[in-house]
């Protein structure tokens, strides 16, 4: 299906969204400042409030998970 990026993927709504997207066939890249412990979700530790690192983060995701549309 493609790559889905989910912020706040460590817990709560973000974790539920990551799990659902994975269930629906997406490759999921989860981003959070806390550890992500969801099987099958590629975990990236980052603070998305810091916009200076967004381009590098997306580059890492594309290298490790796949092309982001």
C-alpha atoms as a PDB file:
ATOM      1  CA  UNK A   1       0.000   0.000   0.000  1.00  0.00           C
ATOM      2  CA  UNK A   2       2.813   2.404   0.765  1.00  0.00           C
ATOM      3  CA  UNK A   3       4.577   4.052   3.650  1.00  0.00           C
ATOM      4  CA  UNK A   4       2.629   5.778   6.416  1.00  0.00           C
ATOM      5  CA  UNK A   5       4.301   8.129   8.885  1.00  0.00           C
ATOM      6  CA  UNK A   6       2.651   8.303  12.292  1.00  0.00           C
ATOM      7  CA  UNK A   7       3.733  10.798  14.942  1.00  0.00           C
ATOM      8  CA  UNK A   8       3.116  10.079  18.608  1.00  0.00           C
ATOM      9  CA  UNK A   9       3.288   6.365  17.797  1.00  0.00           C
ATOM     10  CA  UNK A  10       4.560   5.220  21.205  1.00  0.00           C
ATOM     11  CA  UNK A  11       1.176   5.201  22.906  1.00  0.00           C
ATOM     12  CA  UNK A  12      -2.452   6.302  22.864  1.00  0.00           C
ATOM     13  CA  UNK A  13      -4.096   7.373  19.627  1.00  0.00           C
ATOM     14  CA  UNK A  14      -0.812   7.430  17.707  1.00  0.00           C
ATOM     15  CA  UNK A  15      -0.068   3.828  18.633  1.00  0.00           C
ATOM     16  CA  UNK A  16      -3.605   2.759  17.690  1.00  0.00           C
ATOM     17  CA  UNK A  17      -3.314   4.525  14.320  1.00  0.00           C
ATOM     18  CA  UNK A  18       0.077   2.896  13.640  1.00  0.00           C
ATOM     19  CA  UNK A  19      -1.306  -0.549  14.483  1.00  0.00           C
ATOM     20  CA  UNK A  20      -4.380  -0.032  12.287  1.00  0.00           C
ATOM     21  CA  UNK A  21      -2.376   1.211   9.307  1.00  0.00           C
ATOM     22  CA  UNK A  22      -0.031  -1.751   9.657  1.00  0.00           C
ATOM     23  CA  UNK A  23      -3.037  -4.090   9.805  1.00  0.00           C
ATOM     24  CA  UNK A  24      -4.372  -2.446   6.638  1.00  0.00           C
ATOM     25  CA  UNK A  25      -1.144  -3.200   4.763  1.00  0.00           C
ATOM     26  CA  UNK A  26       0.946  -0.074   5.105  1.00  0.00           C
ATOM     27  CA  UNK A  27       4.626  -0.031   5.998  1.00  0.00           C
ATOM     28  CA  UNK A  28       4.556   2.171   9.094  1.00  0.00           C
ATOM     29  CA  UNK A  29       7.249   4.560  10.285  1.00  0.00           C
ATOM     30  CA  UNK A  30       6.440   5.586  13.841  1.00  0.00           C
ATOM     31  CA  UNK A  31       7.947   8.742  15.284  1.00  0.00           C
ATOM     32  CA  UNK A  32       7.988   9.662  18.955  1.00  0.00           C
ATOM     33  CA  UNK A  33      10.238  11.070  21.651  1.00  0.00           C
ATOM     34  CA  UNK A  34       9.470   7.956  23.699  1.00  0.00           C
ATOM     35  CA  UNK A  35      10.443   4.378  22.780  1.00  0.00           C
ATOM     36  CA  UNK A  36       8.073   2.665  20.345  1.00  0.00           C
ATOM     37  CA  UNK A  37       7.468  -0.999  21.129  1.00  0.00           C
ATOM     38  CA  UNK A  38       4.965  -2.015  18.468  1.00  0.00           C
ATOM     39  CA  UNK A  39       5.953  -5.089  16.462  1.00  0.00           C
ATOM     40  CA  UNK A  40       6.370  -4.381  12.775  1.00  0.00           C
ATOM     41  CA  UNK A  41       6.503  -0.597  13.154  1.00  0.00           C
ATOM     42  CA  UNK A  42       9.805   1.004  12.163  1.00  0.00           C
ATOM     43  CA  UNK A  43      10.635   3.196  15.162  1.00  0.00           C
ATOM     44  CA  UNK A  44      12.258   6.607  14.859  1.00  0.00           C
ATOM     45  CA  UNK A  45      13.080   8.700  17.906  1.00  0.00           C
ATOM     46  CA  UNK A  46      12.618  12.380  17.156  1.00  0.00           C
ATOM     47  CA  UNK A  47      10.892  15.517  18.384  1.00  0.00           C
ATOM     48  CA  UNK A  48       8.674  16.624  15.501  1.00  0.00           C
ATOM     49  CA  UNK A  49       8.299  20.039  17.135  1.00  0.00           C
ATOM     50  CA  UNK A  50      11.900  20.695  16.006  1.00  0.00           C
ATOM     51  CA  UNK A  51      11.310  21.500  12.345  1.00  0.00           C
ATOM     52  CA  UNK A  52      15.018  21.808  11.562  1.00  0.00           C
ATOM     53  CA  UNK A  53      15.339  18.018  11.472  1.00  0.00           C
ATOM     54  CA  UNK A  54      12.318  17.137   9.342  1.00  0.00           C
ATOM     55  CA  UNK A  55      14.121  16.731   6.004  1.00  0.00           C
ATOM     56  CA  UNK A  56      16.793  14.511   7.522  1.00  0.00           C
ATOM     57  CA  UNK A  57      14.156  12.439   9.318  1.00  0.00           C
ATOM     58  CA  UNK A  58      12.154  11.846   6.145  1.00  0.00           C
ATOM     59  CA  UNK A  59      15.398  10.895   4.399  1.00  0.00           C
ATOM     60  CA  UNK A  60      16.124   8.304   7.099  1.00  0.00           C
ATOM     61  CA  UNK A  61      12.594   6.933   6.824  1.00  0.00           C
ATOM     62  CA  UNK A  62      12.870   6.621   3.047  1.00  0.00           C
ATOM     63  CA  UNK A  63      16.248   4.873   3.373  1.00  0.00           C
ATOM     64  CA  UNK A  64      14.986   2.377   5.962  1.00  0.00           C
ATOM     65  CA  UNK A  65      11.283   1.905   5.160  1.00  0.00           C
ATOM     66  CA  UNK A  66      10.588   3.119   1.622  1.00  0.00           C
ATOM     67  CA  UNK A  67       9.521   6.067  -0.496  1.00  0.00           C
ATOM     68  CA  UNK A  68       7.119   8.485   1.160  1.00  0.00           C
ATOM     69  CA  UNK A  69       4.552   9.867  -1.283  1.00  0.00           C
END
